[in-house]
Every structure is written in C-alpha cells, then in structure tokens.
Amino acid sequence: MGDDTWNGLYPNRFMRSYPYPSFNVWDLDTVDNGVRDHLYQELNQTDWNLLIGHFLGVDHCGHRYGPNHPEMQRKLGEINTVIKTVVEQIDDTTMLIVIGDHGMTSTGM
C-alpha cells in the first residue's frame, strides 16, 4: 500500500494492493493518508507474510521544503504516530522493519 511504483515493478504479485500516485512531490498527504486508511485493518488480517506500507510524505516534504521546515515536523510527527500504533498492534512474532531510501541535505537534495 502506498507508492504505486510497487505495482509497476511487481505486477500481479500482491494479494491485495492499495496504490496511490507517487510522483507529485507537492502532495505531502495523499499517499500517507491512503496507507493509513488501509494499514491498521491489514495488520488484523492473518493471510499475509509480508505487508508493505510505503509512505512518501516525509520524502516529498524534504524535497519540497528541506529538512528544517515546520511541515517536516508535522510529517515526522505523523510517521512517529503510525510507528507507535503499529508497534502496539503487532504481536511478538511479527517483525517491523522501518527503512528510508536516502538521506537529505539542508537544501532537500
């Protein structure tokens, strides 16, 4: 769920998918809201071995505003809340892996 690139890279590989357009770096919320709309209900399902929630708001915010903008504080706060909620929902046999694809300079590059 999230970045629609997954379906492009791996067509017909997912039991369920919730893709959202990912290339509009001016949009900080659509993909993240879409992931949140489905993430918690999917965590309660028992038929998956791998669950991917690909949020883009922090990345888009950094490229648009840089890392020190108030919007970055908002997006990081949202992601912190998601991580906390997921940790509270998963059981002791589920592994949570949180990754990022790159760092960021002070100018957002």
C-alpha atoms as a PDB file:
ATOM      1  CA  MET A   1       0.000   0.000   0.000  1.00  0.00           C
ATOM      2  CA  GLY A   2       1.219   3.449  -0.795  1.00  0.00           C
ATOM      3  CA  ASP A   3       3.647   4.217  -3.597  1.00  0.00           C
ATOM      4  CA  ASP A   4       2.170   2.884  -6.854  1.00  0.00           C
ATOM      5  CA  THR A   5       5.658   2.034  -8.123  1.00  0.00           C
ATOM      6  CA  TRP A   6       5.398  -1.352  -6.352  1.00  0.00           C
ATOM      7  CA  ASN A   7       2.614  -2.480  -8.694  1.00  0.00           C
ATOM      8  CA  GLY A   8       4.615  -1.298 -11.696  1.00  0.00           C
ATOM      9  CA  LEU A   9       7.708  -3.215 -10.593  1.00  0.00           C
ATOM     10  CA  TYR A  10       5.833  -6.328  -9.436  1.00  0.00           C
ATOM     11  CA  PRO A  11       2.585  -6.603 -11.408  1.00  0.00           C
ATOM     12  CA  ASN A  12       0.058  -9.162 -10.186  1.00  0.00           C
ATOM     13  CA  ARG A  13       2.280 -10.186  -7.270  1.00  0.00           C
ATOM     14  CA  PHE A  14       0.199  -8.847  -4.409  1.00  0.00           C
ATOM     15  CA  MET A  15      -2.871 -10.476  -2.897  1.00  0.00           C
ATOM     16  CA  ARG A  16      -4.258  -7.016  -2.166  1.00  0.00           C
ATOM     17  CA  SER A  17      -2.841  -3.627  -3.056  1.00  0.00           C
ATOM     18  CA  TYR A  18      -3.774  -0.040  -2.398  1.00  0.00           C
ATOM     19  CA  PRO A  19      -1.629   2.026  -4.777  1.00  0.00           C
ATOM     20  CA  TYR A  20      -1.549   5.810  -4.836  1.00  0.00           C
ATOM     21  CA  PRO A  21       0.186   8.090  -7.381  1.00  0.00           C
ATOM     22  CA  SER A  22       3.678   8.788  -6.131  1.00  0.00           C
ATOM     23  CA  PHE A  23       5.385  11.353  -8.337  1.00  0.00           C
ATOM     24  CA  ASN A  24       3.685  14.574  -7.205  1.00  0.00           C
ATOM     25  CA  VAL A  25       6.250  15.834  -4.684  1.00  0.00           C
ATOM     26  CA  TRP A  26       3.974  18.790  -3.934  1.00  0.00           C
ATOM     27  CA  ASP A  27       1.409  16.426  -2.410  1.00  0.00           C
ATOM     28  CA  LEU A  28       2.536  15.556   1.113  1.00  0.00           C
ATOM     29  CA  ASP A  29      -0.564  13.731   2.270  1.00  0.00           C
ATOM     30  CA  THR A  30      -2.484  11.658  -0.317  1.00  0.00           C
ATOM     31  CA  VAL A  31      -0.207   8.607  -0.274  1.00  0.00           C
ATOM     32  CA  ASP A  32       0.282   8.702   3.504  1.00  0.00           C
ATOM     33  CA  ASN A  33      -3.445   9.058   4.154  1.00  0.00           C
ATOM     34  CA  GLY A  34      -4.122   6.156   1.798  1.00  0.00           C
ATOM     35  CA  VAL A  35      -1.645   3.925   3.591  1.00  0.00           C
ATOM     36  CA  ARG A  36      -3.156   4.807   6.968  1.00  0.00           C
ATOM     37  CA  ASP A  37      -6.654   4.145   5.612  1.00  0.00           C
ATOM     38  CA  HIS A  38      -5.686   0.506   4.980  1.00  0.00           C
ATOM     39  CA  LEU A  39      -2.712  -0.273   7.234  1.00  0.00           C
ATOM     40  CA  TYR A  40      -4.433  -0.983  10.524  1.00  0.00           C
ATOM     41  CA  GLN A  41      -7.154  -3.194   9.016  1.00  0.00           C
ATOM     42  CA  GLU A  42      -4.485  -5.127   7.094  1.00  0.00           C
ATOM     43  CA  LEU A  43      -2.490  -5.675  10.286  1.00  0.00           C
ATOM     44  CA  ASN A  44      -5.523  -7.519  11.652  1.00  0.00           C
ATOM     45  CA  GLN A  45      -5.619  -9.906   8.674  1.00  0.00           C
ATOM     46  CA  THR A  46      -3.868 -13.251   9.087  1.00  0.00           C
ATOM     47  CA  ASP A  47      -3.294 -14.190   5.444  1.00  0.00           C
ATOM     48  CA  TRP A  48      -0.131 -12.189   4.734  1.00  0.00           C
ATOM     49  CA  ASN A  49       3.565 -12.939   5.195  1.00  0.00           C
ATOM     50  CA  LEU A  50       4.824  -9.517   4.134  1.00  0.00           C
ATOM     51  CA  LEU A  51       2.988  -6.233   4.476  1.00  0.00           C
ATOM     52  CA  ILE A  52       4.423  -3.127   2.824  1.00  0.00           C
ATOM     53  CA  GLY A  53       3.297   0.358   3.810  1.00  0.00           C
ATOM     54  CA  HIS A  54       5.247   2.802   1.656  1.00  0.00           C
ATOM     55  CA  PHE A  55       4.744   6.320   2.986  1.00  0.00           C
ATOM     56  CA  LEU A  56       6.047   9.239   0.896  1.00  0.00           C
ATOM     57  CA  GLY A  57       5.160  12.383   2.827  1.00  0.00           C
ATOM     58  CA  VAL A  58       8.493  12.798   4.625  1.00  0.00           C
ATOM     59  CA  ASP A  59      10.414  12.286   1.386  1.00  0.00           C
ATOM     60  CA  HIS A  60       8.234  14.686  -0.578  1.00  0.00           C
ATOM     61  CA  CYS A  61       8.345  17.247   2.222  1.00  0.00           C
ATOM     62  CA  GLY A  62      12.127  17.120   2.350  1.00  0.00           C
ATOM     63  CA  HIS A  63      12.464  17.622  -1.374  1.00  0.00           C
ATOM     64  CA  ARG A  64       9.925  20.427  -1.371  1.00  0.00           C
ATOM     65  CA  TYR A  65      10.899  22.336   1.776  1.00  0.00           C
ATOM     66  CA  GLY A  66      14.121  20.840   3.139  1.00  0.00           C
ATOM     67  CA  PRO A  67      14.567  19.083   6.480  1.00  0.00           C
ATOM     68  CA  ASN A  68      14.106  22.048   8.826  1.00  0.00           C
ATOM     69  CA  HIS A  69      10.691  23.298   7.700  1.00  0.00           C
ATOM     70  CA  PRO A  70       7.647  23.116  10.029  1.00  0.00           C
ATOM     71  CA  GLU A  71       5.923  20.809   7.517  1.00  0.00           C
ATOM     72  CA  MET A  72       8.727  18.307   8.116  1.00  0.00           C
ATOM     73  CA  GLN A  73       7.967  18.384  11.837  1.00  0.00           C
ATOM     74  CA  ARG A  74       4.318  17.650  11.016  1.00  0.00           C
ATOM     75  CA  LYS A  75       5.143  14.749   8.679  1.00  0.00           C
ATOM     76  CA  LEU A  76       7.690  13.228  11.080  1.00  0.00           C
ATOM     77  CA  GLY A  77       5.133  13.500  13.887  1.00  0.00           C
ATOM     78  CA  GLU A  78       2.577  11.650  11.755  1.00  0.00           C
ATOM     79  CA  ILE A  79       5.043   8.865  10.955  1.00  0.00           C
ATOM     80  CA  ASN A  80       6.059   8.585  14.618  1.00  0.00           C
ATOM     81  CA  THR A  81       2.395   8.099  15.496  1.00  0.00           C
ATOM     82  CA  VAL A  82       1.993   5.427  12.804  1.00  0.00           C
ATOM     83  CA  ILE A  83       5.060   3.539  14.031  1.00  0.00           C
ATOM     84  CA  LYS A  84       3.860   3.708  17.635  1.00  0.00           C
ATOM     85  CA  THR A  85       0.398   2.457  16.662  1.00  0.00           C
ATOM     86  CA  VAL A  86       1.811  -0.390  14.567  1.00  0.00           C
ATOM     87  CA  VAL A  87       4.124  -1.468  17.405  1.00  0.00           C
ATOM     88  CA  GLU A  88       1.139  -1.522  19.758  1.00  0.00           C
ATOM     89  CA  GLN A  89      -0.888  -3.643  17.288  1.00  0.00           C
ATOM     90  CA  ILE A  90       1.611  -6.305  16.234  1.00  0.00           C
ATOM     91  CA  ASP A  91       2.322  -9.434  18.226  1.00  0.00           C
ATOM     92  CA  ASP A  92       5.667 -10.756  19.438  1.00  0.00           C
ATOM     93  CA  THR A  93       6.137 -12.930  16.343  1.00  0.00           C
ATOM     94  CA  THR A  94       5.850 -10.056  13.857  1.00  0.00           C
ATOM     95  CA  MET A  95       8.938  -8.133  12.790  1.00  0.00           C
ATOM     96  CA  LEU A  96       8.646  -4.432  11.982  1.00  0.00           C
ATOM     97  CA  ILE A  97      11.304  -3.016   9.672  1.00  0.00           C
ATOM     98  CA  VAL A  98      11.391   0.750   9.107  1.00  0.00           C
ATOM     99  CA  ILE A  99      13.664   1.951   6.328  1.00  0.00           C
ATOM    100  CA  GLY A 100      14.405   5.047   4.287  1.00  0.00           C
ATOM    101  CA  ASP A 101      15.871   5.154   0.815  1.00  0.00           C
ATOM    102  CA  HIS A 102      18.277   8.084   1.235  1.00  0.00           C
ATOM    103  CA  GLY A 103      19.407  10.899   3.473  1.00  0.00           C
ATOM    104  CA  MET A 104      18.911  14.590   2.868  1.00  0.00           C
ATOM    105  CA  THR A 105      20.990  17.726   2.629  1.00  0.00           C
ATOM    106  CA  SER A 106      19.947  21.023   4.184  1.00  0.00           C
ATOM    107  CA  THR A 107      18.547  22.087   0.797  1.00  0.00           C
ATOM    108  CA  GLY A 108      16.368  18.996   0.374  1.00  0.00           C
ATOM    109  CA  MET A 109      18.539  17.122  -2.088  1.00  0.00           C
END
